[in-house]
Amino acid sequence: MEEPIAVTQADAVVIGAGAFGLSVGYQLAAHGAGTVVVLDRFAPGTQTSPRAAGLYKVVQADETLTRLARLSIEVIRGFSDATGVPLSYVQSGSLLAARTPEHTAIVEEEAAAALGWGVELERVDANDVHRLAPYVTGRGIRSAYFIPEDIYIEEPRSLLEAYITAIAQLGSHVVGEAPVTGITVDDGEIAGVSTPRGDIATPLVIDAAGAWARGVGALAGVDVPVAPVRHQLMITRPIAGMNPAEPIARIVDASAYLRPARGGLMMGGMESDPIAIDPRRDPSFTMADTPLDMSVLDGFTESLGSLVPALGDTPVAEHRGGLFTMTPDARFLAGPIPGVRGLWTATGCNGSGFSISAGIGRALAEWIVGGEPPFDLSRLDPGRFGPGPFDDDGLTAAGLWRYANYYTPQPVGEGRESATGVWA
């Protein structure tokens, strides 16, 4: 028989121990929310989040996301001082670049918007691109900006482990191998959760279950509109002369991103013909079961070509993948879920979940504890699509389209939420 969960009553239960759930759990505990329990059906921090790229970017689709992105970087920079728990990051900055007229227009549009929201940007030419990031030759670059505020975390699992340590220090709990099998709702209010290892009475549940978020929501009688879509990246073997301080590079026309990693290069991108994977259809599914296809990454390498020649010349050391949770409008779901008091969600990463999770965690904790968010989060309202139920095929089709078209030039006002969203 599995060991019972030691806690039977909590002030808050967070479901999902990835970047979102651990961030929310840590921030709630740090903000004095009482006893917080983070539950996961697997070992904590083992699913999509450790497979992320670890990129942080402040050029975002709108002002709300920009503020959350900057808040995330603030949290990461100050984490060790706030907790005493070591956490390393690289203050690399990033390059945002394009080689076609159509994608140049996107870069210029987003740069202008970001400047208006207070982001520091420096226009650079092709020679500057190569000077700042020697692994990028600069060939064919029409438009580029350097964003000094951006950072990356070399090994994403290090952030997850830091959160787990900090949560324990605050007297709260992270419990793995404890799938939530029921959510008790009493007269429209959250009353508790059930697991095979025991029940926990609580007035507050946060659904941060990532690819499993829709299934978790259903336990409380709500439909969470996300569609999980595969994403892949690779890391090469070490490359002579690579410097970990060289900036992240986002090449919009190639739908690709790169950064130094383990002495070599990391590269990933948004597939033009993505696949959806719904864990609700396979109870035994784990992220390790995500099918990988190296030919997709070979296509990005070919597209980057002479711009990043080291990719084609260096063997691959690691090929990994996980699942984005896509929403129909490519924006997060963060806040209280209408219809059930005490039920909140933090999901719908749309490619930036790891990087913005720190900001969302703090914002939700301040909202829950203080009664209002630190700034307007209405664009992320989980109820903005209505109560559901949502058609599976329609939701999947919308998610696939959003993923495949993150970098597709489109007229303003016709659905492009961001040209620069990547799995970060």
Protein backbone atom coordinates (compact mmCIF):
# COMPACT_ATOMS: atom_id res chain seq x y z
CA MET A 1 0.00 0.00 0.00
CA GLU A 2 1.28 3.48 -0.89
CA GLU A 3 2.32 5.67 2.01
CA PRO A 4 -0.48 8.08 2.96
CA ILE A 5 0.07 11.79 2.41
CA ALA A 6 1.02 13.27 5.77
CA VAL A 7 -1.07 16.42 5.25
CA THR A 8 -4.86 16.08 5.47
CA GLN A 9 -5.73 19.79 5.54
CA ALA A 10 -4.16 22.67 3.64
CA ASP A 11 -4.80 26.31 2.92
CA ALA A 12 -4.04 25.70 -0.75
CA VAL A 13 -3.43 22.71 -3.01
CA VAL A 14 -1.56 23.20 -6.28
CA ILE A 15 -1.98 20.41 -8.82
CA GLY A 16 1.11 19.96 -10.97
CA ALA A 17 4.76 20.19 -9.89
CA GLY A 18 6.24 21.69 -13.02
CA ALA A 19 7.43 25.29 -13.46
CA PHE A 20 3.91 26.74 -13.13
CA GLY A 21 2.85 24.70 -10.12
CA LEU A 22 6.11 25.02 -8.22
CA SER A 23 6.23 28.76 -8.88
CA VAL A 24 2.69 29.25 -7.60
CA GLY A 25 3.34 26.96 -4.62
CA TYR A 26 6.53 28.78 -3.66
CA GLN A 27 5.00 32.23 -4.03
CA LEU A 28 1.88 31.33 -2.04
CA ALA A 29 4.03 30.02 0.80
CA ALA A 30 6.35 33.03 0.62
CA HIS A 31 3.37 35.41 0.70
CA GLY A 32 1.99 33.87 3.89
CA ALA A 33 -0.88 31.89 2.39
CA GLY A 34 -0.51 29.20 5.08
CA THR A 35 0.09 25.53 4.46
CA VAL A 36 0.54 24.84 0.74
CA VAL A 37 0.68 21.38 -0.82
CA VAL A 38 1.88 20.87 -4.40
CA LEU A 39 0.78 17.50 -5.77
CA ASP A 40 1.92 15.70 -8.90
CA ARG A 41 0.94 12.40 -10.49
CA PHE A 42 4.65 11.81 -11.26
CA ALA A 43 7.89 12.60 -9.48
CA PRO A 44 7.99 16.40 -9.09
CA GLY A 45 9.68 18.37 -11.85
CA THR A 46 10.03 15.48 -14.30
CA GLN A 47 7.64 16.19 -17.16
CA THR A 48 7.67 19.09 -19.67
CA SER A 49 9.51 21.72 -17.62
CA PRO A 50 12.95 20.03 -17.42
CA ARG A 51 12.74 19.55 -21.20
CA ALA A 52 12.30 23.30 -21.81
CA ALA A 53 14.89 25.56 -23.40
CA GLY A 54 15.24 27.78 -20.33
CA LEU A 55 14.96 31.03 -22.32
CA TYR A 56 13.58 34.27 -20.89
CA LYS A 57 12.46 37.08 -23.19
CA VAL A 58 10.95 40.48 -22.57
CA VAL A 59 9.78 41.18 -26.14
CA GLN A 60 6.25 39.83 -25.90
CA ALA A 61 2.95 40.08 -27.74
CA ASP A 62 1.34 42.66 -25.47
CA GLU A 63 2.00 44.83 -22.45
CA THR A 64 0.55 42.32 -19.97
CA LEU A 65 2.90 39.57 -21.11
CA THR A 66 5.80 42.01 -21.18
CA ARG A 67 5.17 42.95 -17.55
CA LEU A 68 4.93 39.29 -16.57
CA ALA A 69 8.12 38.47 -18.47
CA ARG A 70 10.03 41.26 -16.73
CA LEU A 71 8.58 40.18 -13.38
CA SER A 72 9.79 36.64 -14.08
CA ILE A 73 13.33 37.83 -14.69
CA GLU A 74 13.15 39.90 -11.51
CA VAL A 75 12.10 36.80 -9.55
CA ILE A 76 14.91 34.68 -11.01
CA ARG A 77 17.56 37.32 -10.42
CA GLY A 78 16.49 37.76 -6.81
CA PHE A 79 15.67 34.15 -5.98
CA SER A 80 18.90 33.19 -4.22
CA ASP A 81 18.94 36.36 -2.12
CA ALA A 82 15.29 35.85 -1.17
CA THR A 83 15.58 32.17 -0.28
CA GLY A 84 19.22 31.34 0.33
CA VAL A 85 18.82 28.59 -2.27
CA PRO A 86 21.45 28.65 -5.04
CA LEU A 87 20.09 29.30 -8.54
CA SER A 88 22.32 30.11 -11.50
CA TYR A 89 21.31 32.02 -14.62
CA VAL A 90 23.20 33.59 -17.52
CA GLN A 91 22.74 37.30 -18.26
CA SER A 92 23.30 36.76 -21.97
CA GLY A 93 20.84 39.14 -23.57
CA SER A 94 19.27 38.05 -26.84
CA LEU A 95 19.13 38.84 -30.53
CA LEU A 96 15.86 39.10 -32.45
CA ALA A 97 16.54 38.89 -36.18
CA ALA A 98 14.93 38.36 -39.58
CA ARG A 99 16.16 37.75 -43.13
CA THR A 100 13.02 38.33 -45.25
CA PRO A 101 11.08 41.54 -45.86
CA GLU A 102 7.91 40.02 -44.42
CA HIS A 103 9.59 38.87 -41.23
CA THR A 104 11.53 42.12 -40.97
CA ALA A 105 8.18 43.88 -40.72
CA ILE A 106 7.26 41.62 -37.79
CA VAL A 107 10.52 42.33 -35.98
CA GLU A 108 10.17 46.07 -36.49
CA GLU A 109 6.56 46.02 -35.30
CA GLU A 110 7.34 44.08 -32.14
CA ALA A 111 10.44 46.16 -31.40
CA ALA A 112 8.43 49.37 -31.65
CA ALA A 113 5.76 47.99 -29.33
CA ALA A 114 8.34 46.74 -26.81
CA LEU A 115 10.05 50.12 -26.74
CA GLY A 116 6.69 51.67 -25.91
CA TRP A 117 6.37 49.31 -22.95
CA GLY A 118 9.76 50.27 -21.54
CA VAL A 119 11.93 47.46 -22.91
CA GLU A 120 15.53 48.38 -23.67
CA LEU A 121 16.43 47.52 -27.28
CA GLU A 122 19.43 48.25 -29.46
CA ARG A 123 19.17 48.10 -33.25
CA VAL A 124 22.15 46.18 -34.64
CA ASP A 125 23.36 45.27 -38.12
CA ALA A 126 24.63 41.95 -39.47
CA ASN A 127 28.21 42.66 -38.39
CA ASP A 128 27.03 43.46 -34.88
CA VAL A 129 25.07 40.22 -34.78
CA HIS A 130 28.25 38.25 -35.51
CA ARG A 131 30.26 40.32 -33.02
CA LEU A 132 27.75 39.72 -30.23
CA ALA A 133 27.06 36.07 -31.08
CA PRO A 134 30.02 34.64 -33.06
CA TYR A 135 28.09 31.40 -33.66
CA VAL A 136 25.80 33.45 -35.95
CA THR A 137 27.53 34.69 -39.11
CA GLY A 138 25.04 37.48 -39.76
CA ARG A 139 24.63 36.47 -43.42
CA GLY A 140 21.37 37.68 -44.90
CA ILE A 141 20.20 39.54 -41.80
CA ARG A 142 17.91 42.43 -42.76
CA SER A 143 16.77 43.52 -39.33
CA ALA A 144 18.05 42.74 -35.84
CA TYR A 145 17.79 44.00 -32.28
CA PHE A 146 19.79 43.23 -29.18
CA ILE A 147 17.75 42.90 -25.96
CA PRO A 148 20.17 43.07 -23.00
CA GLU A 149 17.58 42.20 -20.33
CA ASP A 150 17.02 38.62 -21.50
CA ILE A 151 18.55 35.69 -19.61
CA TYR A 152 18.64 31.93 -19.77
CA ILE A 153 18.88 29.09 -17.25
CA GLU A 154 21.36 26.49 -18.48
CA GLU A 155 19.58 23.48 -16.96
CA PRO A 156 15.83 24.08 -16.44
CA ARG A 157 15.63 21.32 -13.84
CA SER A 158 17.80 23.48 -11.55
CA LEU A 159 14.95 25.97 -11.15
CA LEU A 160 12.49 23.19 -10.32
CA GLU A 161 14.84 21.77 -7.71
CA ALA A 162 15.36 25.25 -6.23
CA TYR A 163 11.61 25.76 -5.90
CA ILE A 164 11.18 22.40 -4.17
CA THR A 165 13.89 23.28 -1.64
CA ALA A 166 12.46 26.76 -1.02
CA ILE A 167 8.92 25.40 -0.53
CA ALA A 168 10.18 22.93 2.08
CA GLN A 169 12.08 25.71 3.87
CA LEU A 170 8.81 27.63 4.17
CA GLY A 171 7.11 24.68 5.85
CA SER A 172 4.99 23.65 2.88
CA HIS A 173 5.07 20.44 0.87
CA VAL A 174 5.72 19.01 -2.60
CA VAL A 175 4.35 15.50 -2.97
CA GLY A 176 4.96 13.33 -6.01
CA GLU A 177 3.37 10.07 -7.14
CA ALA A 178 0.03 11.42 -5.89
CA PRO A 179 -2.39 11.82 -8.81
CA VAL A 180 -5.48 13.85 -8.01
CA THR A 181 -8.45 11.61 -8.76
CA GLY A 182 -11.19 13.86 -7.43
CA ILE A 183 -11.95 17.47 -6.56
CA THR A 184 -14.75 18.05 -4.07
CA VAL A 185 -17.03 20.99 -4.82
CA ASP A 186 -19.58 21.85 -2.13
CA ASP A 187 -22.33 24.31 -3.08
CA GLY A 188 -20.15 25.84 -5.79
CA GLU A 189 -17.03 26.08 -3.60
CA ILE A 190 -13.84 24.04 -3.51
CA ALA A 191 -13.77 21.79 -0.44
CA GLY A 192 -10.91 19.35 -1.06
CA VAL A 193 -9.05 16.95 -3.31
CA SER A 194 -8.71 13.18 -3.36
CA THR A 195 -5.70 11.02 -4.24
CA PRO A 196 -5.01 7.29 -3.92
CA ARG A 197 -2.84 8.20 -0.94
CA GLY A 198 -5.52 10.13 0.94
CA ASP A 199 -7.71 13.23 0.83
CA ILE A 200 -6.78 16.83 1.61
CA ALA A 201 -9.39 19.32 2.76
CA THR A 202 -8.75 22.76 1.25
CA PRO A 203 -10.71 25.86 0.16
CA LEU A 204 -8.30 26.64 -2.69
CA VAL A 205 -7.10 24.57 -5.66
CA ILE A 206 -4.83 25.81 -8.44
CA ASP A 207 -4.83 23.70 -11.62
CA ALA A 208 -1.27 23.92 -12.92
CA ALA A 209 -1.17 20.46 -14.43
CA GLY A 210 0.15 21.44 -17.87
CA ALA A 211 -0.77 18.86 -20.50
CA TRP A 212 -3.05 17.24 -17.89
CA ALA A 213 -4.80 20.52 -16.95
CA ARG A 214 -7.93 19.80 -18.94
CA GLY A 215 -8.41 16.47 -17.22
CA VAL A 216 -7.87 18.05 -13.81
CA GLY A 217 -10.41 20.78 -14.53
CA ALA A 218 -12.97 18.16 -15.49
CA LEU A 219 -12.74 16.74 -11.95
CA ALA A 220 -14.28 20.01 -10.74
CA GLY A 221 -16.84 20.15 -13.55
CA VAL A 222 -15.08 22.77 -15.68
CA ASP A 223 -13.47 22.61 -19.13
CA VAL A 224 -9.99 24.13 -19.40
CA PRO A 225 -9.45 25.09 -23.08
CA VAL A 226 -5.94 23.87 -23.84
CA ALA A 227 -4.58 21.60 -26.55
CA PRO A 228 -1.18 19.94 -25.92
CA VAL A 229 1.14 20.16 -28.94
CA ARG A 230 4.60 18.60 -29.34
CA HIS A 231 7.74 20.71 -29.33
CA GLN A 232 11.32 19.54 -29.87
CA LEU A 233 14.84 20.86 -29.42
CA MET A 234 18.39 19.55 -29.62
CA ILE A 235 21.79 20.25 -28.08
CA THR A 236 24.98 19.67 -30.05
CA ARG A 237 28.24 18.30 -28.77
CA PRO A 238 30.74 20.96 -27.60
CA ILE A 239 31.98 23.45 -30.19
CA ALA A 240 35.45 24.99 -29.93
CA GLY A 241 35.30 28.61 -28.83
CA MET A 242 31.68 28.65 -27.67
CA ASN A 243 31.14 31.13 -24.85
CA PRO A 244 28.14 30.59 -22.52
CA ALA A 245 27.73 34.37 -22.23
CA GLU A 246 26.92 34.75 -25.94
CA PRO A 247 23.33 35.86 -26.47
CA ILE A 248 20.27 33.82 -27.30
CA ALA A 249 19.34 34.20 -30.98
CA ARG A 250 15.80 34.11 -32.32
CA ILE A 251 15.68 33.90 -36.11
CA VAL A 252 12.08 34.67 -36.93
CA ASP A 253 12.03 33.66 -40.61
CA ALA A 254 13.45 30.23 -39.74
CA SER A 255 10.97 29.79 -36.85
CA ALA A 256 14.02 28.88 -34.77
CA TYR A 257 15.88 29.85 -31.61
CA LEU A 258 19.42 29.10 -30.44
CA ARG A 259 21.60 29.55 -27.39
CA PRO A 260 24.88 28.27 -25.94
CA ALA A 261 24.36 24.99 -24.10
CA ARG A 262 26.84 22.62 -22.43
CA GLY A 263 29.68 23.98 -24.52
CA GLY A 264 27.72 23.54 -27.76
CA LEU A 265 24.52 24.96 -29.22
CA MET A 266 20.87 24.42 -28.39
CA MET A 267 18.43 24.79 -31.26
CA GLY A 268 14.68 24.36 -31.50
CA GLY A 269 11.75 25.80 -33.38
CA MET A 270 8.05 25.82 -34.13
CA GLU A 271 7.13 22.97 -36.45
CA SER A 272 5.17 23.85 -39.58
CA ASP A 273 3.22 20.58 -39.38
CA PRO A 274 2.88 19.97 -35.63
CA ILE A 275 1.20 17.06 -33.88
CA ALA A 276 -1.20 17.13 -30.95
CA ILE A 277 -1.01 14.64 -28.09
CA ASP A 278 -3.85 14.39 -25.55
CA PRO A 279 -2.78 12.59 -22.34
CA ARG A 280 -6.46 12.08 -21.42
CA ARG A 281 -6.58 9.33 -24.05
CA ASP A 282 -3.72 7.35 -22.52
CA PRO A 283 -3.68 7.16 -18.71
CA SER A 284 -0.16 5.71 -18.77
CA PHE A 285 1.33 8.54 -20.89
CA THR A 286 4.42 10.30 -19.57
CA MET A 287 6.46 13.02 -21.27
CA ALA A 288 9.13 10.43 -22.04
CA ASP A 289 6.58 8.85 -24.41
CA THR A 290 6.46 11.96 -26.62
CA PRO A 291 7.42 10.77 -30.12
CA LEU A 292 10.50 12.54 -31.46
CA ASP A 293 11.34 13.24 -35.10
CA MET A 294 14.87 14.39 -35.85
CA SER A 295 13.93 15.24 -39.44
CA VAL A 296 12.00 18.25 -38.10
CA LEU A 297 15.12 19.66 -36.46
CA ASP A 298 17.15 18.82 -39.57
CA GLY A 299 14.73 21.08 -41.43
CA PHE A 300 15.49 23.98 -39.10
CA THR A 301 19.23 23.35 -39.51
CA GLU A 302 18.81 23.49 -43.29
CA SER A 303 16.74 26.67 -43.07
CA LEU A 304 19.36 28.39 -40.91
CA GLY A 305 22.06 27.23 -43.32
CA SER A 306 25.06 29.55 -43.62
CA LEU A 307 23.72 31.77 -40.83
CA VAL A 308 24.64 29.11 -38.22
CA PRO A 309 27.04 26.72 -40.00
CA ALA A 310 28.14 24.99 -36.78
CA LEU A 311 24.74 23.28 -36.56
CA GLY A 312 25.35 21.28 -39.69
CA ASP A 313 28.94 20.48 -38.78
CA THR A 314 28.47 19.28 -35.18
CA PRO A 315 26.95 15.98 -34.01
CA VAL A 316 23.87 16.08 -31.80
CA ALA A 317 24.37 15.16 -28.14
CA GLU A 318 20.73 15.38 -27.01
CA HIS A 319 17.35 15.44 -28.71
CA ARG A 320 14.38 16.07 -26.41
CA GLY A 321 10.76 17.07 -26.57
CA GLY A 322 7.68 17.83 -24.55
CA LEU A 323 4.24 19.39 -24.86
CA PHE A 324 3.12 22.99 -25.10
CA THR A 325 -0.40 23.73 -23.86
CA MET A 326 -1.89 25.90 -26.61
CA THR A 327 -4.98 28.08 -26.22
CA PRO A 328 -7.19 29.33 -29.07
CA ASP A 329 -5.80 32.88 -28.81
CA ALA A 330 -2.20 32.01 -27.84
CA ARG A 331 -2.49 33.61 -24.39
CA PHE A 332 -2.14 32.08 -20.94
CA LEU A 333 -5.01 31.00 -18.72
CA ALA A 334 -4.19 32.54 -15.35
CA GLY A 335 -6.63 33.47 -12.60
CA PRO A 336 -9.85 32.28 -10.98
CA ILE A 337 -12.04 29.93 -13.01
CA PRO A 338 -15.64 31.19 -13.18
CA GLY A 339 -18.34 28.98 -11.71
CA VAL A 340 -16.35 27.33 -8.91
CA ARG A 341 -15.20 29.52 -6.03
CA GLY A 342 -11.69 28.69 -4.92
CA LEU A 343 -10.65 27.10 -8.24
CA TRP A 344 -7.82 28.85 -10.09
CA THR A 345 -5.60 27.90 -13.00
CA ALA A 346 -2.13 28.63 -14.33
CA THR A 347 -1.71 26.96 -17.72
CA GLY A 348 -1.86 27.59 -21.47
CA CYS A 349 1.87 28.19 -21.84
CA ASN A 350 1.75 28.76 -25.62
CA GLY A 351 5.50 28.36 -25.80
CA SER A 352 6.56 30.70 -23.01
CA GLY A 353 5.47 28.77 -19.94
CA PHE A 354 8.84 28.11 -18.35
CA SER A 355 9.99 31.71 -18.77
CA ILE A 356 6.81 33.47 -17.63
CA SER A 357 5.86 31.00 -14.89
CA ALA A 358 7.90 32.86 -12.27
CA GLY A 359 5.98 36.07 -12.95
CA ILE A 360 2.61 34.36 -13.09
CA GLY A 361 3.34 32.59 -9.81
CA ARG A 362 4.07 35.86 -8.04
CA ALA A 363 1.13 37.67 -9.62
CA LEU A 364 -1.35 34.93 -8.68
CA ALA A 365 0.00 34.71 -5.13
CA GLU A 366 -0.36 38.46 -4.65
CA TRP A 367 -3.88 38.26 -6.07
CA ILE A 368 -4.93 35.31 -3.90
CA VAL A 369 -3.41 36.66 -0.69
CA GLY A 370 -4.05 40.35 -1.23
CA GLY A 371 -7.37 40.19 -3.03
CA GLU A 372 -6.33 41.80 -6.32
CA PRO A 373 -3.65 41.27 -8.95
CA PRO A 374 -0.58 43.52 -9.05
CA PHE A 375 -1.70 44.75 -12.48
CA ASP A 376 -4.47 44.06 -14.98
CA LEU A 377 -4.51 40.35 -15.92
CA SER A 378 -7.91 40.40 -17.60
CA ARG A 379 -6.42 39.37 -20.97
CA LEU A 380 -5.51 36.06 -19.33
CA ASP A 381 -8.97 35.45 -17.82
CA PRO A 382 -9.59 31.67 -17.84
CA GLY A 383 -13.27 32.33 -18.55
CA ARG A 384 -12.78 34.42 -21.68
CA PHE A 385 -13.83 31.60 -24.02
CA GLY A 386 -17.04 30.88 -22.13
CA PRO A 387 -17.90 27.95 -19.89
CA GLY A 388 -17.58 25.17 -22.47
CA PRO A 389 -17.75 22.31 -23.02
CA PHE A 390 -15.30 22.78 -25.86
CA ASP A 391 -15.20 20.66 -28.98
CA ASP A 392 -12.06 18.52 -28.91
CA ASP A 393 -11.40 18.72 -32.64
CA GLY A 394 -11.96 22.48 -32.77
CA LEU A 395 -9.74 23.12 -29.76
CA THR A 396 -6.98 20.93 -31.19
CA ALA A 397 -7.20 22.57 -34.61
CA ALA A 398 -6.92 26.03 -33.04
CA GLY A 399 -3.93 24.98 -30.94
CA LEU A 400 -2.12 23.43 -33.89
CA TRP A 401 -2.72 26.54 -35.99
CA ARG A 402 -1.44 28.84 -33.25
CA TYR A 403 1.68 26.75 -32.82
CA ALA A 404 2.45 26.43 -36.54
CA ASN A 405 1.86 30.14 -37.20
CA TYR A 406 3.73 31.78 -34.34
CA TYR A 407 6.22 33.18 -36.85
CA THR A 408 3.93 33.53 -39.87
CA PRO A 409 3.64 37.09 -41.20
CA GLN A 410 0.04 38.24 -40.97
CA PRO A 411 -1.62 41.64 -41.10
CA VAL A 412 -2.08 43.30 -37.72
CA GLY A 413 -5.47 42.45 -36.24
CA GLU A 414 -5.80 39.13 -38.05
CA GLY A 415 -4.78 36.80 -35.28
CA ARG A 416 -1.00 36.96 -34.85
CA GLU A 417 -0.49 37.24 -31.10
CA SER A 418 3.28 37.05 -31.31
CA ALA A 419 5.96 36.38 -33.87
CA THR A 420 8.62 35.64 -31.30
CA GLY A 421 7.02 33.14 -28.94
CA VAL A 422 9.23 30.11 -28.34
CA TRP A 423 9.33 27.32 -25.85
CA ALA A 424 11.14 29.12 -23.13
